[in-house]
Protein backbone atom coordinates (compact mmCIF):
# COMPACT_ATOMS: atom_id res chain seq x y z
CA MET A 1 -7.30 4.18 -35.97
CA THR A 2 -10.20 1.82 -35.45
CA SER A 3 -9.26 -0.72 -38.10
CA GLY A 4 -7.20 -3.48 -36.58
CA MET A 5 -7.11 -1.70 -33.23
CA ASP A 6 -7.95 -4.83 -31.25
CA GLU A 7 -4.89 -6.55 -32.68
CA CYS A 8 -2.58 -4.05 -30.95
CA PRO A 9 -2.36 -3.29 -27.22
CA ALA A 10 -4.75 -0.53 -26.17
CA ILE A 11 -4.01 1.33 -22.94
CA VAL A 12 -6.31 3.72 -21.10
CA VAL A 13 -5.26 6.08 -18.32
CA ALA A 14 -7.08 8.82 -16.42
CA ALA A 15 -5.51 11.91 -14.87
CA ASP A 16 -6.04 15.50 -13.82
CA ASN A 17 -3.24 18.07 -13.90
CA GLY A 18 -1.93 16.97 -10.51
CA TYR A 19 -0.96 13.62 -12.02
CA ALA A 20 0.28 14.88 -15.40
CA MET A 21 3.93 14.40 -14.48
CA PRO A 22 3.51 10.79 -13.18
CA LEU A 23 1.44 10.05 -16.31
CA GLY A 24 4.28 11.27 -18.51
CA VAL A 25 6.82 9.21 -16.58
CA MET A 26 4.63 6.10 -16.85
CA LEU A 27 4.28 6.59 -20.62
CA GLU A 28 8.06 7.01 -20.89
CA SER A 29 8.49 3.63 -19.18
CA LEU A 30 5.85 2.12 -21.47
CA GLY A 31 7.63 3.38 -24.58
CA THR A 32 11.02 2.17 -23.36
CA SER A 33 9.64 -1.29 -22.57
CA LEU A 34 8.15 -1.88 -26.02
CA LYS A 35 9.70 -4.62 -28.09
CA GLY A 36 10.41 -4.15 -31.77
CA SER A 37 7.91 -2.21 -33.85
CA ILE A 38 4.80 -3.14 -31.84
CA ALA A 39 2.06 -0.50 -32.16
CA VAL A 40 0.36 0.69 -28.97
CA TYR A 41 -2.73 2.87 -28.68
CA VAL A 42 -3.01 5.07 -25.59
CA PHE A 43 -6.30 6.72 -24.63
CA ILE A 44 -5.94 9.49 -22.06
CA LEU A 45 -9.08 10.40 -20.11
CA ASP A 46 -8.23 14.04 -19.55
CA ALA A 47 -9.79 15.45 -16.36
CA GLY A 48 -8.12 18.84 -16.66
CA ILE A 49 -4.49 18.46 -17.76
CA ALA A 50 -2.89 21.85 -18.53
CA PRO A 51 -1.90 22.60 -22.18
CA TRP A 52 1.84 22.75 -21.39
CA ASN A 53 1.70 19.35 -19.70
CA ARG A 54 -0.22 17.92 -22.65
CA CYS A 55 2.63 19.15 -24.88
CA ARG A 56 5.19 17.35 -22.73
CA ILE A 57 3.17 14.13 -22.82
CA ASN A 58 2.76 14.39 -26.59
CA ARG A 59 6.54 14.78 -26.94
CA ILE A 60 7.06 11.53 -25.04
CA ALA A 61 4.47 9.79 -27.18
CA ARG A 62 6.07 10.96 -30.44
CA ARG A 63 9.52 9.83 -29.35
CA HIS A 64 8.25 6.30 -28.71
CA SER A 65 5.69 6.23 -31.55
CA LEU A 66 2.77 5.82 -29.15
CA ASN A 67 -0.61 6.49 -30.76
CA ILE A 68 -2.17 8.99 -28.35
CA SER A 69 -5.88 9.90 -28.27
CA TRP A 70 -7.02 12.59 -25.83
CA ILE A 71 -10.56 12.19 -24.50
CA ARG A 72 -11.98 15.06 -22.48
CA ALA A 73 -13.57 13.56 -19.37
CA SER A 74 -15.48 15.80 -16.98
CA VAL A 75 -15.65 14.75 -13.33
CA LYS A 76 -18.59 17.03 -12.46
CA ALA A 77 -20.99 14.08 -12.39
CA LEU A 78 -18.63 12.31 -9.95
CA LYS A 79 -18.45 15.08 -7.34
CA ASP A 80 -20.92 13.30 -5.06
CA LEU A 81 -18.58 10.31 -4.72
CA PRO A 82 -16.20 10.19 -1.73
CA VAL A 83 -12.55 11.24 -2.08
CA TRP A 84 -9.78 11.79 0.44
CA ALA A 85 -5.99 11.83 0.80
CA HIS A 86 -4.28 11.46 -2.60
CA ILE A 87 -7.33 9.94 -4.35
CA LYS A 88 -9.24 12.41 -6.55
CA HIS A 89 -12.43 12.11 -8.59
CA ALA A 90 -10.46 11.21 -11.72
CA ALA A 91 -9.86 7.79 -10.13
CA TYR A 92 -13.50 6.89 -10.79
CA LEU A 93 -13.12 7.43 -14.54
CA ARG A 94 -11.78 3.89 -14.98
CA ILE A 95 -15.30 2.65 -14.21
CA LEU A 96 -16.65 4.69 -17.13
CA CYS A 97 -14.05 3.45 -19.66
CA PRO A 98 -16.53 1.36 -21.69
CA ASP A 99 -18.75 4.42 -22.24
CA LEU A 100 -15.94 6.89 -22.97
CA LEU A 101 -13.82 4.78 -25.31
CA PRO A 102 -14.61 4.08 -29.00
CA LYS A 103 -17.33 1.47 -29.42
CA SER A 104 -15.11 -0.38 -31.90
CA LEU A 105 -12.71 -1.20 -29.06
CA SER A 106 -13.50 -4.55 -27.42
CA LYS A 107 -10.62 -4.85 -24.94
CA VAL A 108 -8.37 -2.47 -23.05
CA ILE A 109 -5.73 -2.35 -20.31
CA TYR A 110 -6.36 0.29 -17.66
CA LEU A 111 -3.24 1.56 -15.86
CA ASP A 112 -2.83 3.92 -12.91
CA CYS A 113 -0.39 6.79 -13.40
CA ASP A 114 1.82 5.94 -10.40
CA MET A 115 3.47 3.03 -12.19
CA ILE A 116 6.67 2.11 -14.00
CA ILE A 117 6.45 -0.55 -16.71
CA THR A 118 9.61 -2.63 -16.80
CA GLN A 119 8.67 -5.27 -19.40
CA GLY A 120 6.63 -5.32 -22.59
CA ILE A 121 2.88 -4.92 -22.20
CA ASP A 122 2.08 -7.30 -25.07
CA GLU A 123 2.18 -10.38 -22.82
CA LEU A 124 -0.49 -8.89 -20.56
CA TRP A 125 -2.52 -7.86 -23.60
CA ASN A 126 -2.50 -11.44 -24.94
CA THR A 127 -3.71 -12.95 -21.63
CA GLU A 128 -6.75 -15.15 -22.17
CA MET A 129 -9.80 -13.80 -20.34
CA ASP A 130 -11.45 -17.26 -20.07
CA GLY A 131 -14.91 -15.71 -20.21
CA TYR A 132 -14.30 -13.23 -17.38
CA PRO A 133 -15.18 -9.54 -17.93
CA LEU A 134 -12.13 -8.43 -15.92
CA ALA A 135 -8.62 -9.60 -15.02
CA ALA A 136 -6.70 -8.06 -12.12
CA VAL A 137 -4.25 -8.71 -9.28
CA GLN A 138 -5.42 -9.53 -5.78
CA GLU A 139 -4.63 -6.79 -3.29
CA GLN A 140 -2.02 -8.18 -0.87
CA SER A 141 -3.94 -11.35 0.13
CA MET A 142 -7.07 -9.33 0.97
CA VAL A 143 -10.54 -10.86 0.81
CA ILE A 144 -13.91 -9.16 0.67
CA SER A 145 -14.44 -9.46 4.43
CA SER A 146 -10.99 -8.07 5.34
CA ALA A 147 -10.65 -4.76 7.13
CA GLY A 148 -10.87 -2.23 4.32
CA GLY A 149 -12.82 -4.68 2.15
CA VAL A 150 -16.46 -4.38 1.08
CA VAL A 151 -18.29 -3.43 4.28
CA ALA A 152 -21.73 -4.39 2.94
CA TYR A 153 -20.67 -7.81 1.62
CA ARG A 154 -23.24 -9.71 3.73
CA GLU A 155 -26.08 -7.49 2.56
CA LEU A 156 -24.95 -8.02 -1.03
CA GLY A 157 -24.71 -11.79 -0.60
CA ILE A 158 -20.99 -11.93 -1.35
CA PRO A 159 -18.96 -14.75 0.27
CA GLY A 160 -16.56 -13.34 2.84
CA ASP A 161 -13.64 -15.32 1.42
CA ALA A 162 -13.99 -13.89 -2.11
CA LYS A 163 -10.69 -12.33 -3.20
CA TYR A 164 -10.37 -8.53 -3.23
CA LEU A 165 -8.81 -7.02 -6.37
CA ASN A 166 -6.57 -3.97 -6.76
CA SER A 167 -7.78 -1.60 -9.47
CA GLY A 168 -4.36 -0.26 -10.52
CA VAL A 169 -4.03 -2.67 -13.46
CA LEU A 170 -7.21 -3.90 -15.13
CA LEU A 171 -7.58 -5.98 -18.28
CA MET A 172 -11.16 -5.23 -19.33
CA ASP A 173 -13.49 -7.01 -21.74
CA LEU A 174 -15.42 -3.95 -22.91
CA VAL A 175 -18.00 -6.00 -24.80
CA ALA A 176 -19.02 -7.82 -21.62
CA TRP A 177 -19.02 -4.56 -19.64
CA ARG A 178 -21.33 -2.86 -22.09
CA ARG A 179 -23.59 -5.90 -22.42
CA GLU A 180 -24.07 -6.27 -18.65
CA ASN A 181 -23.99 -2.52 -17.91
CA PHE A 182 -21.35 -2.94 -15.20
CA SER A 183 -20.43 0.74 -15.20
CA GLN A 184 -23.92 1.83 -14.19
CA LYS A 185 -24.22 -0.95 -11.60
CA ILE A 186 -20.92 0.07 -9.99
CA MET A 187 -21.85 3.75 -9.92
CA ASP A 188 -25.25 2.91 -8.38
CA TYR A 189 -23.51 0.89 -5.68
CA LEU A 190 -21.01 3.65 -4.88
CA ARG A 191 -23.79 6.20 -4.49
CA LYS A 192 -26.03 3.95 -2.42
CA TYR A 193 -23.27 2.84 -0.05
CA ARG A 194 -21.11 5.99 -0.21
CA GLU A 195 -20.91 6.20 3.60
CA GLN A 196 -19.41 2.70 3.73
CA VAL A 197 -16.96 3.06 0.83
CA VAL A 198 -13.34 2.61 1.94
CA TYR A 199 -11.17 2.32 -1.17
CA HIS A 200 -13.15 4.40 -3.64
CA ASP A 201 -13.50 2.82 -7.10
CA GLN A 202 -12.08 -0.49 -5.81
CA ASP A 203 -15.07 -0.93 -3.51
CA GLY A 204 -17.49 -0.70 -6.42
CA LEU A 205 -15.47 -3.05 -8.62
CA ASN A 206 -15.21 -5.66 -5.88
CA ALA A 207 -18.85 -5.36 -4.85
CA ILE A 208 -20.29 -5.81 -8.34
CA LEU A 209 -17.67 -8.14 -9.83
CA ALA A 210 -17.01 -10.37 -6.82
CA ASN A 211 -15.84 -13.80 -8.03
CA ARG A 212 -16.26 -12.62 -11.62
CA TRP A 213 -12.69 -11.58 -12.36
CA LYS A 214 -9.63 -13.54 -13.40
CA GLU A 215 -6.59 -13.33 -11.15
CA LEU A 216 -3.34 -12.13 -12.71
CA ASN A 217 0.14 -12.84 -11.40
CA ASN A 218 1.20 -10.03 -9.06
CA ARG A 219 4.18 -9.33 -11.34
CA TRP A 220 1.70 -7.23 -13.35
CA ASN A 221 0.91 -5.04 -10.33
CA TYR A 222 3.88 -5.26 -7.99
CA TRP A 223 3.47 -3.03 -4.97
CA VAL A 224 6.29 -0.82 -3.74
CA ASN A 225 5.60 1.21 -0.61
CA SER A 226 7.56 4.42 -1.14
CA ALA A 227 7.62 5.18 2.60
CA GLU A 228 9.17 1.91 3.76
CA VAL A 229 12.47 0.07 3.58
CA THR A 230 12.48 -3.70 4.16
CA PRO A 231 14.51 -4.41 7.33
CA GLY A 232 17.84 -6.12 6.65
CA GLU A 233 17.65 -5.53 2.89
CA THR A 234 20.32 -3.44 1.18
CA ARG A 235 19.47 -0.88 -1.49
CA GLU A 236 21.10 -3.01 -4.18
CA SER A 237 19.30 -6.20 -3.18
CA ALA A 238 15.97 -4.37 -2.99
CA LEU A 239 16.38 -3.05 -6.52
CA MET A 240 17.38 -6.50 -7.77
CA ARG A 241 14.30 -8.01 -6.12
CA ILE A 242 11.95 -5.45 -7.63
CA ARG A 243 13.44 -5.71 -11.11
CA ALA A 244 13.38 -9.52 -10.96
CA LYS A 245 9.76 -9.77 -9.79
CA ALA A 246 7.97 -6.79 -11.30
CA LYS A 247 6.71 -6.35 -14.82
CA ILE A 248 4.77 -3.31 -13.64
CA VAL A 249 5.94 -1.48 -10.51
CA HIS A 250 3.07 0.18 -8.64
CA PHE A 251 3.77 2.93 -6.09
CA ALA A 252 0.42 2.28 -4.47
CA SER A 253 0.91 3.85 -1.05
CA ARG A 254 -0.05 7.39 -0.03
CA VAL A 255 3.60 8.44 -0.26
CA LYS A 256 4.66 8.62 -3.91
CA PRO A 257 8.23 8.54 -5.27
CA TRP A 258 8.04 12.26 -6.13
CA HIS A 259 7.34 13.15 -2.47
CA LEU A 260 10.14 14.15 -0.11
CA GLU A 261 9.06 11.45 2.37
CA ALA A 262 9.74 8.69 -0.18
CA ILE A 263 12.68 6.58 1.03
CA SER A 264 12.15 3.17 -0.59
CA PRO A 265 14.96 1.98 -2.92
CA GLY A 266 12.21 1.36 -5.47
CA CYS A 267 11.95 5.12 -5.92
CA GLU A 268 15.24 4.99 -7.82
CA ILE A 269 13.42 3.19 -10.63
CA PHE A 270 11.08 6.18 -10.86
CA ASN A 271 13.97 8.65 -10.72
CA GLU A 272 15.79 6.84 -13.53
CA THR A 273 12.69 7.16 -15.71
CA VAL A 274 11.79 10.78 -14.90
CA ALA A 275 15.36 11.74 -15.88
CA ARG A 276 14.49 10.81 -19.49
CA THR A 277 11.35 13.00 -19.63
CA PRO A 278 10.67 16.74 -20.02
CA TRP A 279 10.34 16.77 -16.22
CA ARG A 280 13.99 15.76 -15.74
CA ARG A 281 14.86 19.12 -14.15
CA TYR A 282 12.38 18.61 -11.34
CA ARG A 283 14.37 16.16 -9.26
CA ARG A 284 13.48 16.03 -5.57
CA LYS A 285 15.34 18.61 -3.52
CA GLY A 286 14.63 21.48 -1.16
CA CYS A 287 11.64 21.54 1.16
CA VAL A 288 8.78 21.65 -1.34
CA PRO A 289 7.18 18.39 -2.56
CA PHE A 290 8.48 17.37 -5.99
CA GLN A 291 5.10 17.60 -7.72
CA GLU A 292 4.37 21.06 -6.27
CA ARG A 293 7.81 22.30 -7.37
CA ALA A 294 7.21 20.93 -10.85
CA GLU A 295 3.89 22.73 -11.20
CA LYS A 296 5.25 26.02 -9.83
CA TYR A 297 8.25 25.94 -12.15
CA THR A 298 6.16 24.91 -15.14
CA ASN A 299 3.71 27.79 -14.65
CA LYS A 300 6.55 30.31 -14.16
CA TYR A 301 8.37 29.08 -17.26
CA PHE A 302 5.20 29.13 -19.36
CA ILE A 303 4.25 32.68 -18.35
CA GLY A 304 7.82 33.89 -18.84
CA LYS A 305 7.98 32.36 -22.31
CA CYS A 306 4.77 34.17 -23.31
CA ILE A 307 6.04 37.52 -21.99
CA ARG A 308 9.40 37.15 -23.73
CA GLY A 309 7.50 36.78 -26.98
CA ILE A 310 6.56 40.50 -26.77
CA PRO A 311 9.78 42.45 -27.58
CA LEU A 312 9.49 45.50 -25.28
CA ILE A 313 7.96 43.63 -22.35
CA GLY A 314 10.45 40.83 -22.97
CA ARG A 315 13.40 43.20 -22.45
CA LEU A 316 11.87 44.58 -19.26
CA TRP A 317 11.25 41.01 -18.07
CA ALA A 318 14.93 40.12 -18.72
CA LYS A 319 16.13 43.17 -16.79
CA TRP A 320 13.88 42.35 -13.85
CA ARG A 321 15.09 38.74 -13.82
CA THR A 322 18.75 39.80 -13.67
CA TRP A 323 18.39 42.86 -11.42
CA GLY A 324 20.92 42.79 -8.59
CA LYS A 325 22.49 39.53 -9.75
CA GLY A 326 25.67 41.05 -11.15
CA ARG A 327 24.85 40.55 -14.82
């Protein structure tokens, strides 16, 4: 796999089992967006994805001829870093990409799981880095000194008007990262200033790489707030706007498209994609969050399948399942 790898797009993602379904949906969108016979390598930093979910993800990869490599990534060493809300320790794994990925790999695109790719990734892959170790999209006009920016920017000597990046899509020069030991510097910052960290891994990236990253067009990280509807905009016009502007749709808010609270028209793009995956039966309905329903059903199905594999117990299982149901 290493020979000629840098000539083909290389993607890295990180997820625990809670984000296995969104990861699969994102990879489905990636496979659908590919043009022609382009080869794509996908490295999955696995922070505890269940075997049955790995099987589903592998099925998606095989259907789209994605070259998947699973890399076991423990988050035990990250437990002292702050997490809250929907952000878990697996989010910090993107910082460790240069150390976890093959040394023969010199460049990679990091993608969050809560994304839908609408256009081919090869254009992003071929973006010139112009000597920068990182390329990213600015977070909604934020600067370092904004509320929610880097609190210790004065102490670090960072200009207050330096742009603040979003870490959902990162084009990384791994050679530069390894040479300048950015991963260790970022982790040291996060531990030293952990009480002042606001946006987790983003704080460390912005603190250490301030003014040292290339800005990408926001089409490559187009935010859709799943909990909001733009006033005066119809559902059809909202979808047209998103599809016209976004090459990668990012559901970056706390409310995700698989949550019951999600009301944005942009969630339909997610629903269209999940319908083509092994998770297609887990459409949002009822009173239990979509992701929780998916995990409950998956576990029940997996256990039932194992039991049915034992003839006698399988018959008893079938009787119990149909007891009192008129058949």
